[in-house]
C-alpha atoms as a PDB file:
ATOM      1  CA  MET A   1     110.256 343.126 134.855  1.00  0.00           C
ATOM      2  CA  ILE A   2     111.849 344.557 131.048  1.00  0.00           C
ATOM      3  CA  ASN A   3     110.080 341.748 129.727  1.00  0.00           C
ATOM      4  CA  LYS A   4     106.791 342.885 130.748  1.00  0.00           C
ATOM      5  CA  LEU A   5     106.905 346.549 129.809  1.00  0.00           C
ATOM      6  CA  VAL A   6     108.272 345.039 125.953  1.00  0.00           C
ATOM      7  CA  TYR A   7     105.624 342.753 126.136  1.00  0.00           C
ATOM      8  CA  ILE A   8     102.900 345.815 126.821  1.00  0.00           C
ATOM      9  CA  LEU A   9     104.923 348.435 124.382  1.00  0.00           C
ATOM     10  CA  ILE A  10     103.657 345.796 122.128  1.00  0.00           C
ATOM     11  CA  VAL A  11     100.333 345.390 122.781  1.00  0.00           C
ATOM     12  CA  CYS A  12      99.901 349.039 122.742  1.00  0.00           C
ATOM     13  CA  ILE A  13     102.165 349.552 119.481  1.00  0.00           C
ATOM     14  CA  THR A  14      99.749 346.729 118.145  1.00  0.00           C
ATOM     15  CA  THR A  15      96.209 348.179 119.206  1.00  0.00           C
ATOM     16  CA  GLN A  16      96.937 351.942 117.705  1.00  0.00           C
ATOM     17  CA  ALA A  17      98.053 349.743 114.365  1.00  0.00           C
ATOM     18  CA  PHE A  18      95.187 348.049 114.239  1.00  0.00           C
ATOM     19  CA  GLY A  19      93.278 350.824 115.254  1.00  0.00           C
ATOM     20  CA  GLN A  20      93.515 352.713 112.227  1.00  0.00           C
ATOM     21  CA  ASN A  21      92.295 350.669 109.821  1.00  0.00           C
ATOM     22  CA  ARG A  22      89.174 349.648 108.609  1.00  0.00           C
ATOM     23  CA  PHE A  23      87.326 347.535 107.076  1.00  0.00           C
ATOM     24  CA  LEU A  24      84.384 347.569 104.406  1.00  0.00           C
ATOM     25  CA  ARG A  25      81.651 344.682 105.013  1.00  0.00           C
ATOM     26  CA  ASP A  26      78.217 344.557 103.835  1.00  0.00           C
ATOM     27  CA  GLY A  27      75.033 345.624 105.465  1.00  0.00           C
ATOM     28  CA  THR A  28      73.059 342.222 105.266  1.00  0.00           C
ATOM     29  CA  ASN A  29      75.717 339.337 106.221  1.00  0.00           C
ATOM     30  CA  ASN A  30      78.878 341.381 107.218  1.00  0.00           C
ATOM     31  CA  GLU A  31      80.633 340.378 104.365  1.00  0.00           C
ATOM     32  CA  THR A  32      83.379 342.334 102.853  1.00  0.00           C
ATOM     33  CA  VAL A  33      82.868 345.034 100.284  1.00  0.00           C
ATOM     34  CA  PRO A  34      86.408 344.705  98.452  1.00  0.00           C
ATOM     35  CA  TYR A  35      88.168 347.337  95.948  1.00  0.00           C
ATOM     36  CA  ALA A  36      85.766 350.176  97.203  1.00  0.00           C
ATOM     37  CA  THR A  37      86.387 353.812  96.580  1.00  0.00           C
ATOM     38  CA  ILE A  38      86.891 356.403  99.387  1.00  0.00           C
ATOM     39  CA  SER A  39      86.829 360.052  98.244  1.00  0.00           C
ATOM     40  CA  PHE A  40      88.375 362.557 100.878  1.00  0.00           C
ATOM     41  CA  GLY A  41      86.439 365.636  98.329  1.00  0.00           C
ATOM     42  CA  ASN A  42      89.234 367.148  97.496  1.00  0.00           C
ATOM     43  CA  GLY A  43      90.410 365.774  94.858  1.00  0.00           C
ATOM     44  CA  ASN A  44      92.173 362.935  96.876  1.00  0.00           C
ATOM     45  CA  GLY A  45      91.325 359.741  97.710  1.00  0.00           C
ATOM     46  CA  LEU A  46      92.132 356.017  97.939  1.00  0.00           C
ATOM     47  CA  PHE A  47      91.335 352.584  97.428  1.00  0.00           C
ATOM     48  CA  ALA A  48      90.322 349.426  99.872  1.00  0.00           C
ATOM     49  CA  ASP A  49      91.882 345.842  99.009  1.00  0.00           C
ATOM     50  CA  ASP A  50      90.449 342.319  99.038  1.00  0.00           C
ATOM     51  CA  GLU A  51      88.973 342.330 102.850  1.00  0.00           C
ATOM     52  CA  GLY A  52      87.290 345.551 102.132  1.00  0.00           C
ATOM     53  CA  GLY A  53      90.174 347.505 104.382  1.00  0.00           C
ATOM     54  CA  PHE A  54      91.848 350.564 104.384  1.00  0.00           C
ATOM     55  CA  TYR A  55      94.133 353.035 106.641  1.00  0.00           C
ATOM     56  CA  PHE A  56      92.698 356.586 108.187  1.00  0.00           C
ATOM     57  CA  THR A  57      94.012 358.593 110.447  1.00  0.00           C
ATOM     58  CA  LYS A  58      93.020 362.357 111.218  1.00  0.00           C
ATOM     59  CA  LYS A  59      97.130 362.327 111.764  1.00  0.00           C
ATOM     60  CA  LEU A  60      97.982 361.737 108.367  1.00  0.00           C
ATOM     61  CA  TYR A  61      94.389 363.059 106.782  1.00  0.00           C
ATOM     62  CA  PRO A  62      93.356 366.002 109.702  1.00  0.00           C
ATOM     63  CA  ASP A  63      91.525 368.628 107.152  1.00  0.00           C
ATOM     64  CA  ILE A  64      89.149 365.855 106.130  1.00  0.00           C
ATOM     65  CA  ASP A  65      85.916 365.426 107.463  1.00  0.00           C
ATOM     66  CA  THR A  66      83.670 363.328 105.283  1.00  0.00           C
ATOM     67  CA  LEU A  67      84.574 359.701 103.478  1.00  0.00           C
ATOM     68  CA  PHE A  68      82.705 359.058 100.314  1.00  0.00           C
ATOM     69  CA  ILE A  69      82.205 356.108  99.598  1.00  0.00           C
ATOM     70  CA  THR A  70      81.670 354.349  95.810  1.00  0.00           C
ATOM     71  CA  ALA A  71      81.397 350.577  95.419  1.00  0.00           C
ATOM     72  CA  LEU A  72      80.321 347.857  92.745  1.00  0.00           C
ATOM     73  CA  GLY A  73      76.221 346.384  93.786  1.00  0.00           C
ATOM     74  CA  TYR A  74      76.312 349.297  96.755  1.00  0.00           C
ATOM     75  CA  LYS A  75      74.544 352.532  97.677  1.00  0.00           C
ATOM     76  CA  GLU A  76      77.162 355.303  98.178  1.00  0.00           C
ATOM     77  CA  LYS A  77      77.832 356.143 101.993  1.00  0.00           C
ATOM     78  CA  LYS A  78      79.130 359.760 103.320  1.00  0.00           C
ATOM     79  CA  VAL A  79      80.925 359.053 106.687  1.00  0.00           C
ATOM     80  CA  PRO A  80      81.947 361.548 109.114  1.00  0.00           C
ATOM     81  CA  THR A  81      85.681 361.450 110.283  1.00  0.00           C
ATOM     82  CA  ALA A  82      85.359 362.197 113.427  1.00  0.00           C
ATOM     83  CA  ASN A  83      84.932 359.232 116.247  1.00  0.00           C
ATOM     84  CA  LEU A  84      85.063 356.297 112.339  1.00  0.00           C
ATOM     85  CA  GLU A  85      84.063 353.265 113.823  1.00  0.00           C
ATOM     86  CA  GLU A  86      86.763 350.399 112.614  1.00  0.00           C
ATOM     87  CA  LYS A  87      83.762 348.460 110.845  1.00  0.00           C
ATOM     88  CA  ILE A  88      81.982 350.269 108.231  1.00  0.00           C
ATOM     89  CA  PHE A  89      78.716 349.153 106.370  1.00  0.00           C
ATOM     90  CA  MET A  90      77.418 349.112 103.552  1.00  0.00           C
ATOM     91  CA  VAL A  91      73.570 349.068 101.632  1.00  0.00           C
ATOM     92  CA  PRO A  92      72.812 346.942  98.733  1.00  0.00           C
ATOM     93  CA  GLU A  93      72.005 348.604  95.562  1.00  0.00           C
ATOM     94  CA  VAL A  94      68.917 346.094  94.740  1.00  0.00           C
ATOM     95  CA  ASN A  95      68.061 345.800  90.964  1.00  0.00           C
ATOM     96  CA  HIS A  96      70.710 347.509  90.007  1.00  0.00           C
ATOM     97  CA  LEU A  97      71.744 345.579  86.722  1.00  0.00           C
ATOM     98  CA  LYS A  98      69.526 345.693  83.139  1.00  0.00           C
ATOM     99  CA  GLU A  99      68.182 342.857  82.834  1.00  0.00           C
ATOM    100  CA  VAL A 100      69.370 342.532  79.351  1.00  0.00           C
ATOM    101  CA  VAL A 101      72.920 341.532  80.985  1.00  0.00           C
ATOM    102  CA  VAL A 102      72.013 339.972  83.594  1.00  0.00           C
ATOM    103  CA  LYS A 103      70.040 337.300  81.079  1.00  0.00           C
ATOM    104  CA  THR A 104      70.377 336.508  77.684  1.00  0.00           C
ATOM    105  CA  LYS A 105      69.080 333.332  75.846  1.00  0.00           C
ATOM    106  CA  VAL A 106      72.068 331.577  73.916  1.00  0.00           C
ATOM    107  CA  SER A 107      72.688 328.962  72.888  1.00  0.00           C
ATOM    108  CA  GLY A 108      75.302 326.491  72.799  1.00  0.00           C
ATOM    109  CA  LYS A 109      76.683 327.103  69.228  1.00  0.00           C
ATOM    110  CA  PHE A 110      79.156 329.852  69.291  1.00  0.00           C
ATOM    111  CA  LYS A 111      81.669 330.883  66.195  1.00  0.00           C
ATOM    112  CA  ILE A 112      84.881 333.160  67.494  1.00  0.00           C
ATOM    113  CA  LYS A 113      85.247 336.532  66.380  1.00  0.00           C
ATOM    114  CA  GLN A 114      88.822 339.066  67.187  1.00  0.00           C
ATOM    115  CA  ARG A 115      88.303 342.984  67.666  1.00  0.00           C
ATOM    116  CA  ASP A 116      92.628 342.726  67.684  1.00  0.00           C
ATOM    117  CA  PRO A 117      94.178 344.791  70.236  1.00  0.00           C
ATOM    118  CA  VAL A 118      96.681 347.768  68.296  1.00  0.00           C
ATOM    119  CA  VAL A 119     100.008 348.134  69.900  1.00  0.00           C
ATOM    120  CA  HIS A 120     103.892 349.528  69.826  1.00  0.00           C
ATOM    121  CA  ASP A 121     106.789 349.647  71.788  1.00  0.00           C
ATOM    122  CA  ASP A 122     107.607 353.259  72.116  1.00  0.00           C
ATOM    123  CA  TYR A 123     107.587 354.649  75.283  1.00  0.00           C
ATOM    124  CA  PHE A 124     107.471 358.334  74.655  1.00  0.00           C
ATOM    125  CA  HIS A 125     104.069 357.299  72.764  1.00  0.00           C
ATOM    126  CA  CYS A 126     102.749 355.551  76.549  1.00  0.00           C
ATOM    127  CA  TRP A 127     100.156 356.461  78.242  1.00  0.00           C
ATOM    128  CA  LEU A 128     101.747 357.320  82.439  1.00  0.00           C
ATOM    129  CA  PRO A 129      98.947 355.368  84.829  1.00  0.00           C
ATOM    130  CA  THR A 130      98.034 356.435  87.854  1.00  0.00           C
ATOM    131  CA  ILE A 131      95.522 356.082  90.072  1.00  0.00           C
ATOM    132  CA  GLU A 132      93.200 358.614  89.777  1.00  0.00           C
ATOM    133  CA  SER A 133      92.292 357.703  86.034  1.00  0.00           C
ATOM    134  CA  GLU A 134      90.627 355.808  84.545  1.00  0.00           C
ATOM    135  CA  ILE A 135      90.319 354.166  80.622  1.00  0.00           C
ATOM    136  CA  ALA A 136      87.641 353.584  79.212  1.00  0.00           C
ATOM    137  CA  VAL A 137      87.018 352.146  75.499  1.00  0.00           C
ATOM    138  CA  PHE A 138      84.096 351.327  73.480  1.00  0.00           C
ATOM    139  CA  PHE A 139      82.970 348.577  71.277  1.00  0.00           C
ATOM    140  CA  ASP A 140      80.254 348.443  69.226  1.00  0.00           C
ATOM    141  CA  HIS A 141      77.807 345.851  68.651  1.00  0.00           C
ATOM    142  CA  LYS A 142      78.715 344.930  65.388  1.00  0.00           C
ATOM    143  CA  GLU A 143      77.842 341.260  64.577  1.00  0.00           C
ATOM    144  CA  GLU A 144      74.087 339.441  64.119  1.00  0.00           C
ATOM    145  CA  GLY A 145      73.508 336.925  67.667  1.00  0.00           C
ATOM    146  CA  PRO A 146      74.459 337.657  71.092  1.00  0.00           C
ATOM    147  CA  GLN A 147      78.131 338.607  71.755  1.00  0.00           C
ATOM    148  CA  LYS A 148      79.715 337.080  74.881  1.00  0.00           C
ATOM    149  CA  ILE A 149      83.177 339.064  75.899  1.00  0.00           C
ATOM    150  CA  SER A 150      85.179 335.777  76.250  1.00  0.00           C
ATOM    151  CA  LYS A 151      88.861 337.308  76.489  1.00  0.00           C
ATOM    152  CA  LEU A 152      90.715 341.586  76.393  1.00  0.00           C
ATOM    153  CA  TYR A 153      93.453 342.404  75.121  1.00  0.00           C
ATOM    154  CA  LEU A 154      95.327 344.842  76.554  1.00  0.00           C
ATOM    155  CA  PRO A 155      98.108 346.137  75.136  1.00  0.00           C
ATOM    156  CA  ILE A 156     101.367 346.777  77.843  1.00  0.00           C
ATOM    157  CA  LYS A 157     104.848 348.025  78.198  1.00  0.00           C
ATOM    158  CA  SER A 158     106.953 346.554  81.156  1.00  0.00           C
ATOM    159  CA  GLU A 159     110.544 348.343  80.330  1.00  0.00           C
ATOM    160  CA  ALA A 160     111.674 351.068  80.494  1.00  0.00           C
ATOM    161  CA  SER A 161     112.112 353.314  77.132  1.00  0.00           C
ATOM    162  CA  ASP A 162     116.310 353.103  77.516  1.00  0.00           C
ATOM    163  CA  TRP A 163     116.588 349.375  79.139  1.00  0.00           C
ATOM    164  CA  ASN A 164     118.406 347.628  75.826  1.00  0.00           C
ATOM    165  CA  LYS A 165     121.332 350.491  76.209  1.00  0.00           C
ATOM    166  CA  ARG A 166     121.937 348.933  79.524  1.00  0.00           C
ATOM    167  CA  LYS A 167     124.376 345.991  79.716  1.00  0.00           C
ATOM    168  CA  SER A 168     121.474 343.105  81.107  1.00  0.00           C
ATOM    169  CA  SER A 169     124.334 341.189  82.872  1.00  0.00           C
ATOM    170  CA  LYS A 170     124.932 343.824  85.510  1.00  0.00           C
ATOM    171  CA  THR A 171     121.518 345.742  85.652  1.00  0.00           C
ATOM    172  CA  SER A 172     119.052 343.612  86.588  1.00  0.00           C
ATOM    173  CA  LYS A 173     114.539 344.861  85.761  1.00  0.00           C
ATOM    174  CA  LYS A 174     113.508 345.738  88.501  1.00  0.00           C
ATOM    175  CA  PRO A 175     110.664 343.384  89.252  1.00  0.00           C
ATOM    176  CA  PHE A 176     106.963 344.665  89.660  1.00  0.00           C
ATOM    177  CA  SER A 177     103.392 343.710  90.833  1.00  0.00           C
ATOM    178  CA  THR A 178     100.548 345.771  89.530  1.00  0.00           C
ATOM    179  CA  LEU A 179      97.269 345.752  90.633  1.00  0.00           C
ATOM    180  CA  PHE A 180      94.000 345.968  87.593  1.00  0.00           C
ATOM    181  CA  LYS A 181      90.808 346.330  87.965  1.00  0.00           C
ATOM    182  CA  VAL A 182      88.086 346.463  84.846  1.00  0.00           C
ATOM    183  CA  ASN A 183      84.602 347.269  84.533  1.00  0.00           C
ATOM    184  CA  PHE A 184      82.269 347.343  81.577  1.00  0.00           C
ATOM    185  CA  TYR A 185      79.839 350.133  81.375  1.00  0.00           C
ATOM    186  CA  GLU A 186      75.966 351.006  78.904  1.00  0.00           C
ATOM    187  CA  ASN A 187      76.290 353.322  76.307  1.00  0.00           C
ATOM    188  CA  ASN A 188      75.287 355.837  77.999  1.00  0.00           C
ATOM    189  CA  ASP A 189      74.692 358.556  75.166  1.00  0.00           C
ATOM    190  CA  GLY A 190      77.812 358.340  73.834  1.00  0.00           C
ATOM    191  CA  LEU A 191      79.704 358.313  77.269  1.00  0.00           C
ATOM    192  CA  PRO A 192      79.758 355.284  79.835  1.00  0.00           C
ATOM    193  CA  GLY A 193      76.416 354.964  81.979  1.00  0.00           C
ATOM    194  CA  GLU A 194      75.551 352.653  84.592  1.00  0.00           C
ATOM    195  CA  SER A 195      78.579 349.700  84.979  1.00  0.00           C
ATOM    196  CA  LEU A 196      76.639 346.695  83.912  1.00  0.00           C
ATOM    197  CA  ILE A 197      79.228 343.872  86.802  1.00  0.00           C
ATOM    198  CA  SER A 198      77.553 343.135  90.352  1.00  0.00           C
ATOM    199  CA  GLU A 199      81.414 341.743  91.082  1.00  0.00           C
ATOM    200  CA  GLU A 200      84.785 343.770  90.977  1.00  0.00           C
ATOM    201  CA  ILE A 201      87.516 342.131  88.247  1.00  0.00           C
ATOM    202  CA  VAL A 202      90.661 342.630  89.505  1.00  0.00           C
ATOM    203  CA  PHE A 203      93.907 341.315  87.864  1.00  0.00           C
ATOM    204  CA  ILE A 204      98.104 341.680  88.440  1.00  0.00           C
ATOM    205  CA  VAL A 205      99.976 343.047  85.997  1.00  0.00           C
ATOM    206  CA  ASN A 206     104.292 342.439  86.301  1.00  0.00           C
ATOM    207  CA  GLU A 207     107.665 342.354  84.744  1.00  0.00           C
ATOM    208  CA  LYS A 208     107.286 338.952  83.879  1.00  0.00           C
ATOM    209  CA  ASN A 209     104.351 339.486  80.686  1.00  0.00           C
ATOM    210  CA  LYS A 210     106.959 340.246  78.039  1.00  0.00           C
ATOM    211  CA  LYS A 211     104.652 339.512  74.731  1.00  0.00           C
ATOM    212  CA  GLY A 212     103.672 343.106  75.715  1.00  0.00           C
ATOM    213  CA  ILE A 213      99.843 341.779  75.470  1.00  0.00           C
ATOM    214  CA  PHE A 214      97.891 341.136  78.086  1.00  0.00           C
ATOM    215  CA  GLN A 215      95.052 338.585  77.784  1.00  0.00           C
ATOM    216  CA  LEU A 216      92.779 338.707  80.790  1.00  0.00           C
ATOM    217  CA  ASN A 217      90.343 335.535  80.692  1.00  0.00           C
ATOM    218  CA  LEU A 218      86.735 336.630  80.906  1.00  0.00           C
ATOM    219  CA  ASP A 219      84.768 333.515  79.936  1.00  0.00           C
ATOM    220  CA  ASP A 220      83.061 332.917  83.071  1.00  0.00           C
ATOM    221  CA  LYS A 221      81.362 336.054  83.800  1.00  0.00           C
ATOM    222  CA  ASP A 222      79.119 336.060  81.330  1.00  0.00           C
ATOM    223  CA  ILE A 223      79.482 339.564  79.989  1.00  0.00           C
ATOM    224  CA  PHE A 224      77.006 340.064  77.048  1.00  0.00           C
ATOM    225  CA  VAL A 225      77.706 343.248  74.487  1.00  0.00           C
ATOM    226  CA  PRO A 226      73.987 344.959  74.120  1.00  0.00           C
ATOM    227  CA  ARG A 227      72.766 346.480  71.047  1.00  0.00           C
ATOM    228  CA  SER A 228      73.796 350.068  71.860  1.00  0.00           C
ATOM    229  CA  GLY A 229      77.727 348.630  72.508  1.00  0.00           C
ATOM    230  CA  ILE A 230      79.851 348.237  75.542  1.00  0.00           C
ATOM    231  CA  PHE A 231      82.007 350.888  77.403  1.00  0.00           C
ATOM    232  CA  VAL A 232      85.280 348.542  78.469  1.00  0.00           C
ATOM    233  CA  SER A 233      87.423 350.092  81.100  1.00  0.00           C
ATOM    234  CA  ILE A 234      90.784 349.854  82.761  1.00  0.00           C
ATOM    235  CA  GLN A 235      91.870 351.290  86.528  1.00  0.00           C
ATOM    236  CA  ILE A 236      95.207 351.030  88.349  1.00  0.00           C
ATOM    237  CA  LEU A 237      94.140 350.623  91.786  1.00  0.00           C
ATOM    238  CA  GLY A 238      98.345 350.354  92.640  1.00  0.00           C
ATOM    239  CA  TYR A 239     101.080 348.651  93.870  1.00  0.00           C
ATOM    240  CA  THR A 240     100.857 345.007  95.891  1.00  0.00           C
ATOM    241  CA  ASP A 241     102.728 342.523  98.359  1.00  0.00           C
ATOM    242  CA  LYS A 242     104.012 338.955  96.787  1.00  0.00           C
ATOM    243  CA  GLN A 243     101.362 337.612  97.803  1.00  0.00           C
ATOM    244  CA  GLY A 244      99.079 339.770  95.499  1.00  0.00           C
ATOM    245  CA  LYS A 245      98.015 341.956  98.522  1.00  0.00           C
ATOM    246  CA  LEU A 246      97.048 345.774  97.523  1.00  0.00           C
ATOM    247  CA  LEU A 247     100.243 347.926  99.131  1.00  0.00           C
ATOM    248  CA  PRO A 248      98.784 351.368 100.607  1.00  0.00           C
ATOM    249  CA  ASN A 249      99.583 353.699  97.423  1.00  0.00           C
ATOM    250  CA  LYS A 250      99.931 357.260  97.077  1.00  0.00           C
ATOM    251  CA  LYS A 251      98.492 359.717  94.724  1.00  0.00           C
ATOM    252  CA  TYR A 252     101.351 362.568  95.310  1.00  0.00           C
ATOM    253  CA  LYS A 253     105.075 362.699  95.203  1.00  0.00           C
ATOM    254  CA  GLU A 254     106.431 365.062  97.169  1.00  0.00           C
ATOM    255  CA  VAL A 255     109.682 367.039  95.008  1.00  0.00           C
ATOM    256  CA  LYS A 256     111.536 369.446  96.277  1.00  0.00           C
ATOM    257  CA  THR A 257     111.771 372.650  94.357  1.00  0.00           C
ATOM    258  CA  LYS A 258     113.659 376.089  94.477  1.00  0.00           C
ATOM    259  CA  ARG A 259     109.783 377.385  94.322  1.00  0.00           C
ATOM    260  CA  GLY A 260     109.398 374.620  97.606  1.00  0.00           C
ATOM    261  CA  ILE A 261     107.404 371.125  97.578  1.00  0.00           C
ATOM    262  CA  VAL A 262     105.674 370.192  94.421  1.00  0.00           C
ATOM    263  CA  LYS A 263     103.119 367.478  94.421  1.00  0.00           C
ATOM    264  CA  VAL A 264     104.171 364.970  90.649  1.00  0.00           C
ATOM    265  CA  SER A 265     101.144 362.171  89.879  1.00  0.00           C
ATOM    266  CA  THR A 266     102.426 359.390  90.634  1.00  0.00           C
ATOM    267  CA  THR A 267     103.329 357.265  88.293  1.00  0.00           C
ATOM    268  CA  PHE A 268     103.235 353.082  88.138  1.00  0.00           C
ATOM    269  CA  ARG A 269     104.117 350.145  85.537  1.00  0.00           C
ATOM    270  CA  PRO A 270     103.429 348.958  83.222  1.00  0.00           C
ATOM    271  CA  LEU A 271     102.705 352.090  81.183  1.00  0.00           C
ATOM    272  CA  LEU A 272      99.653 351.924  78.359  1.00  0.00           C
ATOM    273  CA  PRO A 273     100.866 352.475  74.465  1.00  0.00           C
ATOM    274  CA  PHE A 274      98.449 354.341  72.672  1.00  0.00           C
ATOM    275  CA  THR A 275      98.184 354.406  68.946  1.00  0.00           C
ATOM    276  CA  ASN A 276      97.342 357.261  65.881  1.00  0.00           C
ATOM    277  CA  LYS A 277      96.419 353.489  63.833  1.00  0.00           C
ATOM    278  CA  ILE A 278      92.195 354.073  64.459  1.00  0.00           C
ATOM    279  CA  ALA A 279      90.153 356.975  62.466  1.00  0.00           C
ATOM    280  CA  SER A 280      87.351 356.880  65.269  1.00  0.00           C
ATOM    281  CA  LYS A 281      88.314 358.723  68.531  1.00  0.00           C
ATOM    282  CA  LYS A 282      86.221 355.663  70.990  1.00  0.00           C
ATOM    283  CA  THR A 283      88.782 356.366  74.073  1.00  0.00           C
ATOM    284  CA  TYR A 284      87.765 358.254  77.317  1.00  0.00           C
ATOM    285  CA  VAL A 285      89.142 358.871  79.757  1.00  0.00           C
ATOM    286  CA  LYS A 286      87.970 361.038  83.918  1.00  0.00           C
ATOM    287  CA  ARG A 287      89.599 361.755  87.328  1.00  0.00           C
ATOM    288  CA  ILE A 288      88.521 359.138  89.852  1.00  0.00           C
ATOM    289  CA  PHE A 289      89.035 361.884  92.675  1.00  0.00           C
ATOM    290  CA  LEU A 290      88.060 364.651  90.098  1.00  0.00           C
ATOM    291  CA  ASN A 291      84.868 366.332  88.557  1.00  0.00           C
ATOM    292  CA  SER A 292      82.496 364.128  90.506  1.00  0.00           C
ATOM    293  CA  GLY A 293      84.260 361.784  87.865  1.00  0.00           C
ATOM    294  CA  LYS A 294      82.852 362.375  84.949  1.00  0.00           C
ATOM    295  CA  TRP A 295      84.110 361.312  81.811  1.00  0.00           C
ATOM    296  CA  VAL A 296      85.464 362.654  78.972  1.00  0.00           C
ATOM    297  CA  ARG A 297      86.303 361.284  74.932  1.00  0.00           C
ATOM    298  CA  PHE A 298      90.043 361.318  74.838  1.00  0.00           C
ATOM    299  CA  GLU A 299      90.383 364.447  72.317  1.00  0.00           C
ATOM    300  CA  ARG A 300      92.097 367.745  72.794  1.00  0.00           C
ATOM    301  CA  LYS A 301      89.297 369.758  73.408  1.00  0.00           C
ATOM    302  CA  ASN A 302      88.331 367.996  76.334  1.00  0.00           C
ATOM    303  CA  ILE A 303      92.453 367.649  77.687  1.00  0.00           C
ATOM    304  CA  GLN A 304      95.046 370.177  78.721  1.00  0.00           C
ATOM    305  CA  LYS A 305      96.579 371.854  75.617  1.00  0.00           C
ATOM    306  CA  ASN A 306     100.594 370.088  76.626  1.00  0.00           C
ATOM    307  CA  ASN A 307      99.068 366.968  76.493  1.00  0.00           C
ATOM    308  CA  LYS A 308     101.761 364.823  74.260  1.00  0.00           C
ATOM    309  CA  LEU A 309      99.931 362.086  72.856  1.00  0.00           C
ATOM    310  CA  LEU A 310      96.789 364.037  71.752  1.00  0.00           C
ATOM    311  CA  GLN A 311      99.355 366.776  70.690  1.00  0.00           C
ATOM    312  CA  GLN A 312     100.746 363.890  68.162  1.00  0.00           C
ATOM    313  CA  GLY A 313      97.372 362.078  67.221  1.00  0.00           C
ATOM    314  CA  TYR A 314      97.620 359.428  69.838  1.00  0.00           C
ATOM    315  CA  ASN A 315      94.210 359.552  70.666  1.00  0.00           C
ATOM    316  CA  ASN A 316      93.533 355.881  71.478  1.00  0.00           C
ATOM    317  CA  TYR A 317      94.309 352.919  73.561  1.00  0.00           C
ATOM    318  CA  GLY A 318      94.119 350.298  71.703  1.00  0.00           C
ATOM    319  CA  MET A 319      92.214 347.481  73.951  1.00  0.00           C
ATOM    320  CA  GLY A 320      90.921 344.755  72.106  1.00  0.00           C
ATOM    321  CA  LEU A 321      87.907 341.601  72.574  1.00  0.00           C
ATOM    322  CA  GLU A 322      87.776 338.023  71.680  1.00  0.00           C
ATOM    323  CA  LEU A 323      83.588 337.819  71.365  1.00  0.00           C
ATOM    324  CA  LYS A 324      81.596 334.264  71.477  1.00  0.00           C
ATOM    325  CA  VAL A 325      78.265 335.080  68.980  1.00  0.00           C
ATOM    326  CA  TYR A 326      75.916 332.459  69.691  1.00  0.00           C
ATOM    327  CA  ASN A 327      72.885 331.402  67.675  1.00  0.00           C
ATOM    328  CA  LYS A 328      69.824 333.336  68.899  1.00  0.00           C
ATOM    329  CA  GLN A 329      68.048 330.712  70.823  1.00  0.00           C
ATOM    330  CA  LYS A 330      64.385 330.103  69.731  1.00  0.00           C
ATOM    331  CA  GLU A 331      62.106 331.136  71.812  1.00  0.00           C
END
C-alpha cells in the first residue's frame, strides 16, 4: 500500500514538473527552435535551451499575461499566458536573408588577413556580463575581394582580480561553464540591422581557458563581410550544467538591505576586457529585454553617467577577426 502511494506521489510530481516546461517547435516540420528569446514585456525574460525548452508558470510569473518570442529565421510570436500550451509553434520567415550573404562567388585561392584583438588583464576595466546585454563590434570591408570570417578572437578574463594574492594550494578555482551566442548584423546607417545568419551559433567558455583570448572557428559557416561592413555580437545566455545544457538563470539577485529588497543584475564569468587603445568608437550595446532591444553606441551620451569604463575612456571591446580574402571569380 505504501509503495502504491509513493508511486502515485512520484507520478503526480513528475507530471506537474513536466507540465510547466514549454517547447518551441517549427510550425512546418515540428523541429526544435533552439535558443529563442522569450521576453515578458516588462524588462524581464529568459532564453530557450538547445531543445527549444523553457520553464514558465503563472505561479512563478503571476503578472505576465503575454510572451514575446523571437528566434532567428522565424516571425516574432505573441503568446497569451492564459492556458499556455506545452508546445508553441513558430512560423518561419521566408527569404529574410540578404542575397549577398547567401551567395558569394569566390575562387579557391585566398590570403589570410588578421584584425588583431586588443587584450589586457585588468579586472577593473572589464565589462561584467549579464543575460540582458548584447555587445556588438563593427568591422569595415577593407580588403579587395570577398572576405569570409574564418575565426573570431574574443578577449576574456576568467579569474577574479585578487586571485594572485590567494594561496592556490589551499583555494581551488571555482569552475564555471557559460553559454554564449554570436550573431552577425548588416550595417543599417551605422547601427546593427538585420541578422545575416539563419542559424543559432553558440559556444561554451569555462575557467580552463587561461590565454585571455577565446578562439571561435567559423570557417564552415560561410559568413562574408558585406561592402558596407559587418557587426559581430556576443551575448551570454547563462551558465550550463556539465553536459553543456543551459540552466535556468536568474536575471536578478534579490539582496536584502536596510531599504528593503533590492534587485541586482546577475553577472557571469568570464568578464570581457574593454580597451582605451582603439581610437574610433566601434562598440555598440543593447538591453535584450528593455527599450525594444534598441542598439546604441557605447559612449557617454548614450550610457548612464556613472559607468566606470566610460569615465576612464574604455570605449571598446577589443574583439578580433581572422579573414580569408578570396580572389574574385570571373563570370
